Amino acid sequence: MKLAQRVKPISYLKSHASEVLRTVAQEKKTLLITHHGEVKLVIQGIEDYEALQESLALLKILALGEEKRRSGKFKSAKKAFDDLRKRIKGLEK
């Protein structure tokens, strides 16, 4: 389905709710809903939404890590693992 075919007016959503639900859920198609000619709503299946949220979280973690690296606020992997081993040994006592 081409992007142009995924853009629907809100009237289509109102009159074809079951078809929209089936298209989004079963066919894993994202729909864009317009109101007065502007896209105002994106409808996507829960699996796609969750995958997007996980991707965004990973990108945020990467960006934070890169920011710390650039500012010099990081530990080497060796130092991090050494510190972790010390903490674990402290818990075992």
Protein backbone atom coordinates (compact mmCIF):
# COMPACT_ATOMS: atom_id res chain seq x y z
CA MET A 1 0.00 0.00 0.00
CA LYS A 2 1.49 3.33 -1.08
CA LEU A 3 1.60 6.23 1.35
CA ALA A 4 -1.03 8.15 -0.63
CA GLN A 5 -3.39 5.20 -0.19
CA ARG A 6 -2.82 5.28 3.59
CA VAL A 7 -4.09 8.85 3.97
CA LYS A 8 -7.79 8.91 4.79
CA PRO A 9 -10.16 11.68 5.90
CA ILE A 10 -11.73 11.49 9.33
CA SER A 11 -15.09 10.78 7.66
CA TYR A 12 -13.59 7.54 6.32
CA LEU A 13 -12.55 6.56 9.84
CA LYS A 14 -16.05 7.28 11.13
CA SER A 15 -17.81 5.25 8.44
CA HIS A 16 -15.27 2.41 8.07
CA ALA A 17 -14.04 1.83 11.65
CA SER A 18 -14.08 -1.99 11.36
CA GLU A 19 -12.19 -1.92 8.08
CA VAL A 20 -9.63 0.48 9.56
CA LEU A 21 -9.19 -1.79 12.57
CA ARG A 22 -8.73 -4.86 10.35
CA THR A 23 -6.29 -3.08 8.02
CA VAL A 24 -4.18 -1.79 10.90
CA ALA A 25 -4.27 -4.94 13.05
CA GLN A 26 -4.15 -7.78 10.54
CA GLU A 27 -2.36 -6.26 7.58
CA LYS A 28 0.00 -4.23 9.79
CA LYS A 29 -0.69 -1.04 7.84
CA THR A 30 -0.35 2.38 9.40
CA LEU A 31 -3.06 4.86 8.44
CA LEU A 32 -2.87 8.66 8.46
CA ILE A 33 -6.14 10.43 9.25
CA THR A 34 -6.76 13.96 8.01
CA HIS A 35 -8.99 16.68 9.39
CA HIS A 36 -9.61 19.73 7.17
CA GLY A 37 -6.91 18.47 4.78
CA GLU A 38 -4.12 18.13 7.35
CA VAL A 39 -2.85 14.87 8.81
CA LYS A 40 -3.83 14.98 12.48
CA LEU A 41 -3.72 11.34 13.55
CA VAL A 42 -1.62 8.24 12.95
CA ILE A 43 -3.23 4.87 13.57
CA GLN A 44 -0.93 1.90 13.96
CA GLY A 45 -1.08 -1.55 15.51
CA ILE A 46 0.15 -2.12 19.04
CA GLU A 47 3.08 -4.28 17.90
CA ASP A 48 4.33 -1.53 15.61
CA TYR A 49 3.84 1.08 18.33
CA GLU A 50 5.75 -0.99 20.90
CA ALA A 51 8.58 -1.65 18.43
CA LEU A 52 8.79 2.07 17.71
CA GLN A 53 8.91 2.90 21.43
CA GLU A 54 11.69 0.35 22.00
CA SER A 55 13.67 1.77 19.08
CA LEU A 56 13.28 5.30 20.42
CA ALA A 57 14.41 4.18 23.89
CA LEU A 58 17.52 2.54 22.42
CA LEU A 59 18.31 5.64 20.39
CA LYS A 60 17.94 7.78 23.50
CA ILE A 61 20.35 5.51 25.41
CA LEU A 62 22.85 5.72 22.55
CA ALA A 63 22.55 9.52 22.42
CA LEU A 64 23.10 9.80 26.18
CA GLY A 65 26.13 7.53 25.95
CA GLU A 66 27.57 9.56 23.10
CA GLU A 67 26.98 12.77 25.05
CA LYS A 68 28.85 11.36 28.07
CA ARG A 69 31.68 10.14 25.85
CA ARG A 70 32.10 13.56 24.28
CA SER A 71 32.08 15.30 27.66
CA GLY A 72 34.60 12.82 29.10
CA LYS A 73 32.17 11.53 31.75
CA PHE A 74 32.58 7.81 31.18
CA LYS A 75 34.45 4.76 32.44
CA SER A 76 36.36 2.30 30.37
CA ALA A 77 34.73 -1.11 30.03
CA LYS A 78 37.52 -2.62 32.14
CA LYS A 79 36.94 -0.10 34.96
CA ALA A 80 33.16 -0.60 34.82
CA PHE A 81 33.49 -4.40 35.07
CA ASP A 82 36.07 -4.13 37.86
CA ASP A 83 33.72 -1.87 39.84
CA LEU A 84 30.84 -4.27 39.21
CA ARG A 85 32.88 -7.26 40.42
CA LYS A 86 33.77 -5.36 43.61
CA ARG A 87 30.11 -4.56 44.26
CA ILE A 88 29.11 -8.19 43.74
CA LYS A 89 31.84 -9.40 46.12
CA GLY A 90 30.61 -6.87 48.68
CA LEU A 91 27.09 -8.31 48.45
CA GLU A 92 28.35 -11.88 48.93
CA LYS A 93 29.85 -11.11 52.36
